[in-house]
């Protein structure tokens, strides 16, 4: 399974994402990831975001996300219901790899 990290992508985002199953982002990447979100949707790449530094703010970015990691102090089920994100995990120790499908 091909996994790409947004932080490691160069200037040709779509080409570098080709064939990937997942793209992984840190919450700080969200503001710069519009093209990655768009190409992920067009090309069938699943999106995972690590948002454990602070509570996630509502926004359109959530529509592109399939897996969200949040701090153990957050209510994962409440976030999942409000955001529509497929899987929200509340854990300070989990890694993406524990939950990718």
Protein backbone atom coordinates (compact mmCIF):
# COMPACT_ATOMS: atom_id res chain seq x y z
CA UNK A 1 0.00 0.00 0.00
CA UNK A 2 1.52 3.30 -1.10
CA UNK A 3 1.41 6.04 1.52
CA UNK A 4 2.58 9.61 0.89
CA UNK A 5 3.24 12.35 3.41
CA UNK A 6 2.09 15.82 2.40
CA UNK A 7 5.19 17.35 3.96
CA UNK A 8 7.39 15.35 1.55
CA UNK A 9 5.56 16.31 -1.65
CA UNK A 10 7.30 18.53 -4.17
CA UNK A 11 5.82 20.94 -6.67
CA UNK A 12 4.01 18.28 -8.76
CA UNK A 13 1.52 17.21 -6.09
CA UNK A 14 -0.78 15.19 -8.31
CA UNK A 15 1.99 13.25 -10.00
CA UNK A 16 3.62 12.37 -6.68
CA UNK A 17 0.26 11.21 -5.28
CA UNK A 18 -0.45 8.88 -8.25
CA UNK A 19 -1.05 5.32 -7.13
CA UNK A 20 -1.19 6.22 -3.45
CA UNK A 21 -3.81 4.72 -1.17
CA UNK A 22 -3.31 7.36 1.55
CA UNK A 23 -1.97 10.88 1.98
CA UNK A 24 -1.01 11.78 5.55
CA UNK A 25 -1.08 15.33 6.85
CA UNK A 26 -0.31 17.16 10.06
CA UNK A 27 -2.88 19.71 11.17
CA UNK A 28 -0.46 22.51 10.25
CA UNK A 29 -0.50 21.30 6.63
CA UNK A 30 -4.25 21.84 6.17
CA UNK A 31 -4.00 25.49 5.13
CA UNK A 32 -1.58 24.57 2.31
CA UNK A 33 -3.21 21.33 1.19
CA UNK A 34 -6.12 22.47 -1.00
CA UNK A 35 -4.64 20.99 -4.18
CA UNK A 36 -3.77 17.73 -2.39
CA UNK A 37 -7.35 17.47 -1.11
CA UNK A 38 -8.71 18.11 -4.60
CA UNK A 39 -6.43 15.56 -6.28
CA UNK A 40 -7.12 13.02 -3.53
CA UNK A 41 -10.83 13.30 -4.27
CA UNK A 42 -10.34 13.06 -8.04
CA UNK A 43 -7.89 10.16 -7.89
CA UNK A 44 -9.40 8.10 -5.04
CA UNK A 45 -6.67 8.72 -2.48
CA UNK A 46 -7.78 8.55 1.16
CA UNK A 47 -6.81 11.42 3.48
CA UNK A 48 -5.63 11.16 7.09
CA UNK A 49 -4.93 14.14 9.37
CA UNK A 50 -3.12 14.19 12.71
CA UNK A 51 -4.89 16.95 14.64
CA UNK A 52 -3.68 16.27 18.19
CA UNK A 53 -2.00 19.61 18.89
CA UNK A 54 -5.32 21.43 19.30
CA UNK A 55 -9.04 20.74 18.90
CA UNK A 56 -10.07 20.57 15.23
CA UNK A 57 -11.93 23.59 13.93
CA UNK A 58 -14.87 22.97 11.62
CA UNK A 59 -14.21 23.66 7.98
CA UNK A 60 -14.53 22.40 4.44
CA UNK A 61 -11.25 20.51 4.86
CA UNK A 62 -13.14 17.94 6.94
CA UNK A 63 -15.12 16.84 3.87
CA UNK A 64 -11.92 15.47 2.34
CA UNK A 65 -10.76 13.55 5.44
CA UNK A 66 -11.33 9.84 6.01
CA UNK A 67 -9.24 9.37 9.16
CA UNK A 68 -8.67 11.97 11.88
CA UNK A 69 -6.44 11.53 14.92
CA UNK A 70 -7.32 13.79 17.85
CA UNK A 71 -6.06 14.15 21.40
CA UNK A 72 -7.36 11.73 24.01
CA UNK A 73 -9.03 14.72 25.68
CA UNK A 74 -11.36 15.07 22.64
CA UNK A 75 -14.63 13.19 22.16
CA UNK A 76 -13.99 11.22 18.97
CA UNK A 77 -17.59 10.13 18.47
CA UNK A 78 -18.92 13.67 18.81
CA UNK A 79 -16.38 14.94 16.27
CA UNK A 80 -17.22 12.08 13.90
CA UNK A 81 -20.95 12.81 14.08
CA UNK A 82 -20.50 16.56 13.57
CA UNK A 83 -17.90 16.34 10.82
CA UNK A 84 -18.94 13.28 8.85
CA UNK A 85 -15.36 11.97 8.91
CA UNK A 86 -15.39 8.18 8.50
CA UNK A 87 -13.08 7.35 11.39
CA UNK A 88 -12.02 9.62 14.26
CA UNK A 89 -9.54 8.22 16.78
CA UNK A 90 -8.97 9.83 20.17
CA UNK A 91 -5.49 8.86 21.35
CA UNK A 92 -2.29 10.62 22.29
CA UNK A 93 -0.18 7.58 21.40
CA UNK A 94 -1.71 6.08 18.25
CA UNK A 95 -0.01 6.34 14.89
CA UNK A 96 -1.64 6.55 11.47
CA UNK A 97 -0.39 3.09 10.61
CA UNK A 98 -2.51 1.60 13.41
CA UNK A 99 -5.71 2.64 11.65
CA UNK A 100 -5.14 2.79 7.89
CA UNK A 101 -7.26 0.45 5.81
